[in-house]
């Protein structure tokens, strides 16, 4: 496999620089969508004076630093969105990437669960280490060692994300039993009409009707789904590295993330978009 050849050769094995150039476009497109969505549903007024988020910022950082954060918050929202678009278009990509990463890192200061931000910073840093990000929307194919280290790093990051996620699920009796998924879908089915932002959830009606209760049958069904998710997260990284199984792994991975996104479309746009985007890095 090319990945192990690259490791044993000290990253001197040539790879196709176009892989990372294409990931740069995908990365930027996902972040442009994320940053644009962050402007809506109260995001623009998140740190407005008198708001709960501003009060929490005062408690965490003190009044002076909270006011400073609030003063730069809106300009940063606009600047990082423009930088993400510039990165997608290949306009001064390295500078645009630095601005995008700084803008994403700002969310660590106020989000309660910034896992998507950490993943963004990890994959973005790997991209920053690439020697050839390309220019414009063109993707240049060939053989070069400029992006070998960065490509291997992306593979390692995605593998760690999948295997760590599988490990956490294996350690959770509630998830393994299927009860967690059954309770989640059942609760959503009961309260979805009263949710303030209904587009944040998109569980299909067929699933709600046939697996939206807490009967023994439903729990058994979700137990099977839970086992399938764990198995898929363990098997996907090696399957993506093997040329013969990669097409099937890509289809399975995209299908799995599409199902994840039905549970939380807005919250998982970054994770699902970037993770499936890294599949490009698994090919030599």
Foldseek 3Di string as FASTA:
>chain_A
DVLVVCVVVVLQFWDWLLLLLLLQLLLLVLLLVLLVPCCDPCNLVQCPPPDPLLVVLCVVPNNVVSVVLVVCVNVLSVLLSVLSVCSNQFNVNLVSLVSVLVSLVSVVSGDPDSPLSVLSNQLSVLSNQAQDNDGGNDGDTDIDSRNRSSLSSLLVSLLCVLLVVLVVQVVDPCQLQLNVVQVLLLVCLVCLVVDPDNVQAADDPVCCVPQNHDDPVNSVVSNVVSVVSSVLSNPLSVLLLDVVRNVVSLVVLLVVLVNVCNGGVSVCSSVSSSSSSSSSSSYD
